Amino acid sequence: MANKKYEEVKSLTGEELLQHIADNKLRLQRLRFNHAVSPLENPNVLGETRKLIARLKTELRKRELQNNA
């Protein structure tokens, strides 16, 4: 059974996936910078954002492989 977060990722289109990846990479970069300057209230958000990017990239790669097969 897939978790709720991955179900949301699967419902996105290819362009939306690319946009979400770019947005979350920028968000992660800003979070890392802010955390280096002054500690974040909840540093777990760094890991959550990194995992979300991985989920998005995994779904994008899965679709690429399906299209090429």
PDB file of N, CA and C in Angstrom:
ATOM      1  N   MET A   1       0.838  -1.180   0.000  1.00  0.00           N
ATOM      2  CA  MET A   1       0.000   0.000   0.000  1.00  0.00           C
ATOM      3  C   MET A   1       0.884   1.245   0.000  1.00  0.00           C
ATOM      4  N   ALA A   2       0.678   2.105  -0.965  1.00  0.00           N
ATOM      5  CA  ALA A   2       1.476   3.326  -1.072  1.00  0.00           C
ATOM      6  C   ALA A   2       0.996   4.346  -0.045  1.00  0.00           C
ATOM      7  N   ASN A   3       1.932   5.160   0.435  1.00  0.00           N
ATOM      8  CA  ASN A   3       1.530   6.151   1.425  1.00  0.00           C
ATOM      9  C   ASN A   3       0.876   7.355   0.753  1.00  0.00           C
ATOM     10  N   LYS A   4       0.252   8.193   1.555  1.00  0.00           N
ATOM     11  CA  LYS A   4      -0.521   9.321   1.063  1.00  0.00           C
ATOM     12  C   LYS A   4       0.341  10.314   0.276  1.00  0.00           C
ATOM     13  N   LYS A   5       1.556  10.558   0.763  1.00  0.00           N
ATOM     14  CA  LYS A   5       2.426  11.524   0.092  1.00  0.00           C
ATOM     15  C   LYS A   5       2.771  11.059  -1.322  1.00  0.00           C
ATOM     16  N   TYR A   6       3.048   9.760  -1.469  1.00  0.00           N
ATOM     17  CA  TYR A   6       3.411   9.262  -2.786  1.00  0.00           C
ATOM     18  C   TYR A   6       2.204   9.259  -3.714  1.00  0.00           C
ATOM     19  N   GLU A   7       1.006   9.043  -3.184  1.00  0.00           N
ATOM     20  CA  GLU A   7      -0.206   9.093  -4.000  1.00  0.00           C
ATOM     21  C   GLU A   7      -0.386  10.502  -4.585  1.00  0.00           C
ATOM     22  N   GLU A   8      -0.073  11.515  -3.803  1.00  0.00           N
ATOM     23  CA  GLU A   8      -0.173  12.898  -4.285  1.00  0.00           C
ATOM     24  C   GLU A   8       0.834  13.144  -5.407  1.00  0.00           C
ATOM     25  N   VAL A   9       2.026  12.586  -5.281  1.00  0.00           N
ATOM     26  CA  VAL A   9       3.076  12.757  -6.285  1.00  0.00           C
ATOM     27  C   VAL A   9       2.659  12.073  -7.589  1.00  0.00           C
ATOM     28  N   LYS A  10       2.064  10.895  -7.479  1.00  0.00           N
ATOM     29  CA  LYS A  10       1.662  10.142  -8.668  1.00  0.00           C
ATOM     30  C   LYS A  10       0.583  10.856  -9.470  1.00  0.00           C
ATOM     31  N   SER A  11      -0.200  11.710  -8.823  1.00  0.00           N
ATOM     32  CA  SER A  11      -1.293  12.393  -9.510  1.00  0.00           C
ATOM     33  C   SER A  11      -0.827  13.614 -10.313  1.00  0.00           C
ATOM     34  N   LEU A  12       0.431  14.014 -10.151  1.00  0.00           N
ATOM     35  CA  LEU A  12       0.947  15.190 -10.859  1.00  0.00           C
ATOM     36  C   LEU A  12       1.306  14.851 -12.304  1.00  0.00           C
ATOM     37  N   THR A  13       1.240  15.863 -13.177  1.00  0.00           N
ATOM     38  CA  THR A  13       1.676  15.684 -14.556  1.00  0.00           C
ATOM     39  C   THR A  13       3.188  15.850 -14.620  1.00  0.00           C
ATOM     40  N   GLY A  14       3.768  15.547 -15.776  1.00  0.00           N
ATOM     41  CA  GLY A  14       5.211  15.657 -15.951  1.00  0.00           C
ATOM     42  C   GLY A  14       5.722  17.066 -15.714  1.00  0.00           C
ATOM     43  N   GLU A  15       5.028  18.054 -16.259  1.00  0.00           N
ATOM     44  CA  GLU A  15       5.453  19.444 -16.085  1.00  0.00           C
ATOM     45  C   GLU A  15       5.342  19.867 -14.627  1.00  0.00           C
ATOM     46  N   GLU A  16       4.268  19.416 -13.964  1.00  0.00           N
ATOM     47  CA  GLU A  16       4.101  19.751 -12.558  1.00  0.00           C
ATOM     48  C   GLU A  16       5.214  19.125 -11.722  1.00  0.00           C
ATOM     49  N   LEU A  17       5.615  17.902 -12.066  1.00  0.00           N
ATOM     50  CA  LEU A  17       6.717  17.249 -11.358  1.00  0.00           C
ATOM     51  C   LEU A  17       7.991  18.077 -11.473  1.00  0.00           C
ATOM     52  N   LEU A  18       8.315  18.496 -12.690  1.00  0.00           N
ATOM     53  CA  LEU A  18       9.518  19.299 -12.901  1.00  0.00           C
ATOM     54  C   LEU A  18       9.461  20.610 -12.124  1.00  0.00           C
ATOM     55  N   GLN A  19       8.288  21.241 -12.108  1.00  0.00           N
ATOM     56  CA  GLN A  19       8.124  22.506 -11.393  1.00  0.00           C
ATOM     57  C   GLN A  19       8.272  22.299  -9.890  1.00  0.00           C
ATOM     58  N   HIS A  20       7.677  21.237  -9.365  1.00  0.00           N
ATOM     59  CA  HIS A  20       7.785  20.948  -7.938  1.00  0.00           C
ATOM     60  C   HIS A  20       9.230  20.622  -7.549  1.00  0.00           C
ATOM     61  N   ILE A  21       9.937  19.912  -8.409  1.00  0.00           N
ATOM     62  CA  ILE A  21      11.345  19.604  -8.121  1.00  0.00           C
ATOM     63  C   ILE A  21      12.151  20.891  -8.026  1.00  0.00           C
ATOM     64  N   ALA A  22      11.976  21.769  -8.998  1.00  0.00           N
ATOM     65  CA  ALA A  22      12.715  23.036  -9.001  1.00  0.00           C
ATOM     66  C   ALA A  22      12.362  23.880  -7.776  1.00  0.00           C
ATOM     67  N   ASP A  23      11.077  23.965  -7.454  1.00  0.00           N
ATOM     68  CA  ASP A  23      10.643  24.763  -6.302  1.00  0.00           C
ATOM     69  C   ASP A  23      11.211  24.212  -4.999  1.00  0.00           C
ATOM     70  N   ASN A  24      11.173  22.903  -4.854  1.00  0.00           N
ATOM     71  CA  ASN A  24      11.644  22.301  -3.612  1.00  0.00           C
ATOM     72  C   ASN A  24      13.164  22.340  -3.486  1.00  0.00           C
ATOM     73  N   LYS A  25      13.879  22.280  -4.609  1.00  0.00           N
ATOM     74  CA  LYS A  25      15.335  22.433  -4.552  1.00  0.00           C
ATOM     75  C   LYS A  25      15.696  23.833  -4.068  1.00  0.00           C
ATOM     76  N   LEU A  26      14.987  24.832  -4.584  1.00  0.00           N
ATOM     77  CA  LEU A  26      15.219  26.209  -4.158  1.00  0.00           C
ATOM     78  C   LEU A  26      14.863  26.373  -2.677  1.00  0.00           C
ATOM     79  N   ARG A  27      13.758  25.777  -2.261  1.00  0.00           N
ATOM     80  CA  ARG A  27      13.332  25.833  -0.860  1.00  0.00           C
ATOM     81  C   ARG A  27      14.381  25.188   0.044  1.00  0.00           C
ATOM     82  N   LEU A  28      14.895  24.024  -0.371  1.00  0.00           N
ATOM     83  CA  LEU A  28      15.906  23.334   0.418  1.00  0.00           C
ATOM     84  C   LEU A  28      17.172  24.173   0.542  1.00  0.00           C
ATOM     85  N   GLN A  29      17.566  24.810  -0.546  1.00  0.00           N
ATOM     86  CA  GLN A  29      18.752  25.664  -0.527  1.00  0.00           C
ATOM     87  C   GLN A  29      18.564  26.811   0.469  1.00  0.00           C
ATOM     88  N   ARG A  30      17.390  27.431   0.442  1.00  0.00           N
ATOM     89  CA  ARG A  30      17.117  28.535   1.372  1.00  0.00           C
ATOM     90  C   ARG A  30      17.076  28.052   2.817  1.00  0.00           C
ATOM     91  N   LEU A  31      16.454  26.887   3.029  1.00  0.00           N
ATOM     92  CA  LEU A  31      16.394  26.345   4.382  1.00  0.00           C
ATOM     93  C   LEU A  31      17.790  26.049   4.920  1.00  0.00           C
ATOM     94  N   ARG A  32      18.635  25.465   4.093  1.00  0.00           N
ATOM     95  CA  ARG A  32      20.007  25.158   4.520  1.00  0.00           C
ATOM     96  C   ARG A  32      20.775  26.428   4.871  1.00  0.00           C
ATOM     97  N   PHE A  33      20.606  27.459   4.045  1.00  0.00           N
ATOM     98  CA  PHE A  33      21.287  28.721   4.315  1.00  0.00           C
ATOM     99  C   PHE A  33      20.781  29.327   5.619  1.00  0.00           C
ATOM    100  N   ASN A  34      19.461  29.350   5.787  1.00  0.00           N
ATOM    101  CA  ASN A  34      18.895  29.913   7.015  1.00  0.00           C
ATOM    102  C   ASN A  34      19.326  29.110   8.241  1.00  0.00           C
ATOM    103  N   HIS A  35      19.431  27.805   8.092  1.00  0.00           N
ATOM    104  CA  HIS A  35      19.838  26.958   9.212  1.00  0.00           C
ATOM    105  C   HIS A  35      21.308  27.196   9.568  1.00  0.00           C
ATOM    106  N   ALA A  36      22.115  27.508   8.583  1.00  0.00           N
ATOM    107  CA  ALA A  36      23.529  27.793   8.840  1.00  0.00           C
ATOM    108  C   ALA A  36      23.689  29.132   9.569  1.00  0.00           C
ATOM    109  N   VAL A  37      22.851  30.094   9.231  1.00  0.00           N
ATOM    110  CA  VAL A  37      22.933  31.416   9.848  1.00  0.00           C
ATOM    111  C   VAL A  37      22.384  31.373  11.273  1.00  0.00           C
ATOM    112  N   SER A  38      21.177  30.850  11.406  1.00  0.00           N
ATOM    113  CA  SER A  38      20.569  30.684  12.732  1.00  0.00           C
ATOM    114  C   SER A  38      19.743  29.405  12.705  1.00  0.00           C
ATOM    115  N   PRO A  39      19.860  28.587  13.726  1.00  0.00           N
ATOM    116  CA  PRO A  39      19.195  27.282  13.718  1.00  0.00           C
ATOM    117  C   PRO A  39      17.683  27.388  13.471  1.00  0.00           C
ATOM    118  N   LEU A  40      17.180  26.452  12.687  1.00  0.00           N
ATOM    119  CA  LEU A  40      15.751  26.409  12.416  1.00  0.00           C
ATOM    120  C   LEU A  40      15.007  25.926  13.650  1.00  0.00           C
ATOM    121  N   GLU A  41      13.757  26.346  13.770  1.00  0.00           N
ATOM    122  CA  GLU A  41      12.935  25.896  14.887  1.00  0.00           C
ATOM    123  C   GLU A  41      12.707  24.384  14.791  1.00  0.00           C
ATOM    124  N   ASN A  42      12.484  23.900  13.561  1.00  0.00           N
ATOM    125  CA  ASN A  42      12.283  22.467  13.332  1.00  0.00           C
ATOM    126  C   ASN A  42      13.225  22.009  12.221  1.00  0.00           C
ATOM    127  N   PRO A  43      14.407  21.525  12.562  1.00  0.00           N
ATOM    128  CA  PRO A  43      15.366  21.122  11.536  1.00  0.00           C
ATOM    129  C   PRO A  43      14.947  19.869  10.764  1.00  0.00           C
ATOM    130  N   ASN A  44      13.909  19.164  11.226  1.00  0.00           N
ATOM    131  CA  ASN A  44      13.421  17.990  10.503  1.00  0.00           C
ATOM    132  C   ASN A  44      12.855  18.354   9.134  1.00  0.00           C
ATOM    133  N   VAL A  45      12.510  19.609   8.948  1.00  0.00           N
ATOM    134  CA  VAL A  45      11.959  20.042   7.668  1.00  0.00           C
ATOM    135  C   VAL A  45      12.999  19.886   6.553  1.00  0.00           C
ATOM    136  N   LEU A  46      14.285  19.934   6.898  1.00  0.00           N
ATOM    137  CA  LEU A  46      15.335  19.723   5.904  1.00  0.00           C
ATOM    138  C   LEU A  46      15.246  18.310   5.327  1.00  0.00           C
ATOM    139  N   GLY A  47      15.140  17.334   6.176  1.00  0.00           N
ATOM    140  CA  GLY A  47      15.037  15.945   5.734  1.00  0.00           C
ATOM    141  C   GLY A  47      13.746  15.671   4.985  1.00  0.00           C
ATOM    142  N   GLU A  48      12.656  16.253   5.451  1.00  0.00           N
ATOM    143  CA  GLU A  48      11.368  16.064   4.785  1.00  0.00           C
ATOM    144  C   GLU A  48      11.400  16.624   3.372  1.00  0.00           C
ATOM    145  N   THR A  49      12.002  17.786   3.209  1.00  0.00           N
ATOM    146  CA  THR A  49      12.100  18.405   1.886  1.00  0.00           C
ATOM    147  C   THR A  49      12.986  17.577   0.971  1.00  0.00           C
ATOM    148  N   ARG A  50      14.084  17.073   1.505  1.00  0.00           N
ATOM    149  CA  ARG A  50      14.991  16.225   0.724  1.00  0.00           C
ATOM    150  C   ARG A  50      14.279  14.951   0.267  1.00  0.00           C
ATOM    151  N   LYS A  51      13.498  14.367   1.143  1.00  0.00           N
ATOM    152  CA  LYS A  51      12.762  13.152   0.803  1.00  0.00           C
ATOM    153  C   LYS A  51      11.674  13.426  -0.232  1.00  0.00           C
ATOM    154  N   LEU A  52      11.042  14.588  -0.140  1.00  0.00           N
ATOM    155  CA  LEU A  52      10.026  14.944  -1.120  1.00  0.00           C
ATOM    156  C   LEU A  52      10.650  15.084  -2.510  1.00  0.00           C
ATOM    157  N   ILE A  53      11.821  15.713  -2.582  1.00  0.00           N
ATOM    158  CA  ILE A  53      12.530  15.841  -3.859  1.00  0.00           C
ATOM    159  C   ILE A  53      12.843  14.459  -4.416  1.00  0.00           C
ATOM    160  N   ALA A  54      13.270  13.544  -3.553  1.00  0.00           N
ATOM    161  CA  ALA A  54      13.573  12.180  -3.987  1.00  0.00           C
ATOM    162  C   ALA A  54      12.326  11.488  -4.514  1.00  0.00           C
ATOM    163  N   ARG A  55      11.188  11.664  -3.854  1.00  0.00           N
ATOM    164  CA  ARG A  55       9.933  11.069  -4.325  1.00  0.00           C
ATOM    165  C   ARG A  55       9.569  11.602  -5.710  1.00  0.00           C
ATOM    166  N   LEU A  56       9.708  12.911  -5.883  1.00  0.00           N
ATOM    167  CA  LEU A  56       9.372  13.535  -7.159  1.00  0.00           C
ATOM    168  C   LEU A  56      10.278  13.019  -8.273  1.00  0.00           C
ATOM    169  N   LYS A  57      11.586  12.950  -7.996  1.00  0.00           N
ATOM    170  CA  LYS A  57      12.534  12.464  -8.994  1.00  0.00           C
ATOM    171  C   LYS A  57      12.296  10.994  -9.324  1.00  0.00           C
ATOM    172  N   THR A  58      11.932  10.209  -8.324  1.00  0.00           N
ATOM    173  CA  THR A  58      11.665   8.789  -8.539  1.00  0.00           C
ATOM    174  C   THR A  58      10.468   8.609  -9.476  1.00  0.00           C
ATOM    175  N   GLU A  59       9.421   9.361  -9.237  1.00  0.00           N
ATOM    176  CA  GLU A  59       8.238   9.261 -10.100  1.00  0.00           C
ATOM    177  C   GLU A  59       8.562   9.729 -11.514  1.00  0.00           C
ATOM    178  N   LEU A  60       9.338  10.782 -11.647  1.00  0.00           N
ATOM    179  CA  LEU A  60       9.721  11.278 -12.965  1.00  0.00           C
ATOM    180  C   LEU A  60      10.531  10.229 -13.722  1.00  0.00           C
ATOM    181  N   ARG A  61      11.482   9.609 -13.051  1.00  0.00           N
ATOM    182  CA  ARG A  61      12.314   8.571 -13.670  1.00  0.00           C
ATOM    183  C   ARG A  61      11.471   7.350 -14.036  1.00  0.00           C
ATOM    184  N   LYS A  62      10.539   6.973 -13.189  1.00  0.00           N
ATOM    185  CA  LYS A  62       9.647   5.849 -13.456  1.00  0.00           C
ATOM    186  C   LYS A  62       8.864   6.085 -14.740  1.00  0.00           C
ATOM    187  N   ARG A  63       8.378   7.306 -14.911  1.00  0.00           N
ATOM    188  CA  ARG A  63       7.620   7.637 -16.122  1.00  0.00           C
ATOM    189  C   ARG A  63       8.513   7.626 -17.360  1.00  0.00           C
ATOM    190  N   GLU A  64       9.752   8.099 -17.205  1.00  0.00           N
ATOM    191  CA  GLU A  64      10.697   8.068 -18.332  1.00  0.00           C
ATOM    192  C   GLU A  64      10.944   6.631 -18.789  1.00  0.00           C
ATOM    193  N   LEU A  65      11.137   5.741 -17.837  1.00  0.00           N
ATOM    194  CA  LEU A  65      11.390   4.343 -18.160  1.00  0.00           C
ATOM    195  C   LEU A  65      10.169   3.683 -18.801  1.00  0.00           C
ATOM    196  N   GLN A  66       8.979   4.044 -18.365  1.00  0.00           N
ATOM    197  CA  GLN A  66       7.759   3.495 -18.956  1.00  0.00           C
ATOM    198  C   GLN A  66       7.571   3.968 -20.383  1.00  0.00           C
ATOM    199  N   ASN A  67       7.928   5.213 -20.646  1.00  0.00           N
ATOM    200  CA  ASN A  67       7.777   5.767 -21.993  1.00  0.00           C
ATOM    201  C   ASN A  67       8.791   5.166 -22.965  1.00  0.00           C
ATOM    202  N   ASN A  68       9.968   4.809 -22.479  1.00  0.00           N
ATOM    203  CA  ASN A  68      11.021   4.260 -23.345  1.00  0.00           C
ATOM    204  C   ASN A  68      10.865   2.765 -23.565  1.00  0.00           C
ATOM    205  N   ALA A  69      10.098   2.113 -22.735  1.00  0.00           N
ATOM    206  CA  ALA A  69       9.954   0.652 -22.852  1.00  0.00           C
ATOM    207  C   ALA A  69       8.972   0.261 -23.928  1.00  0.00           C
TER     208      ALA A  69
END
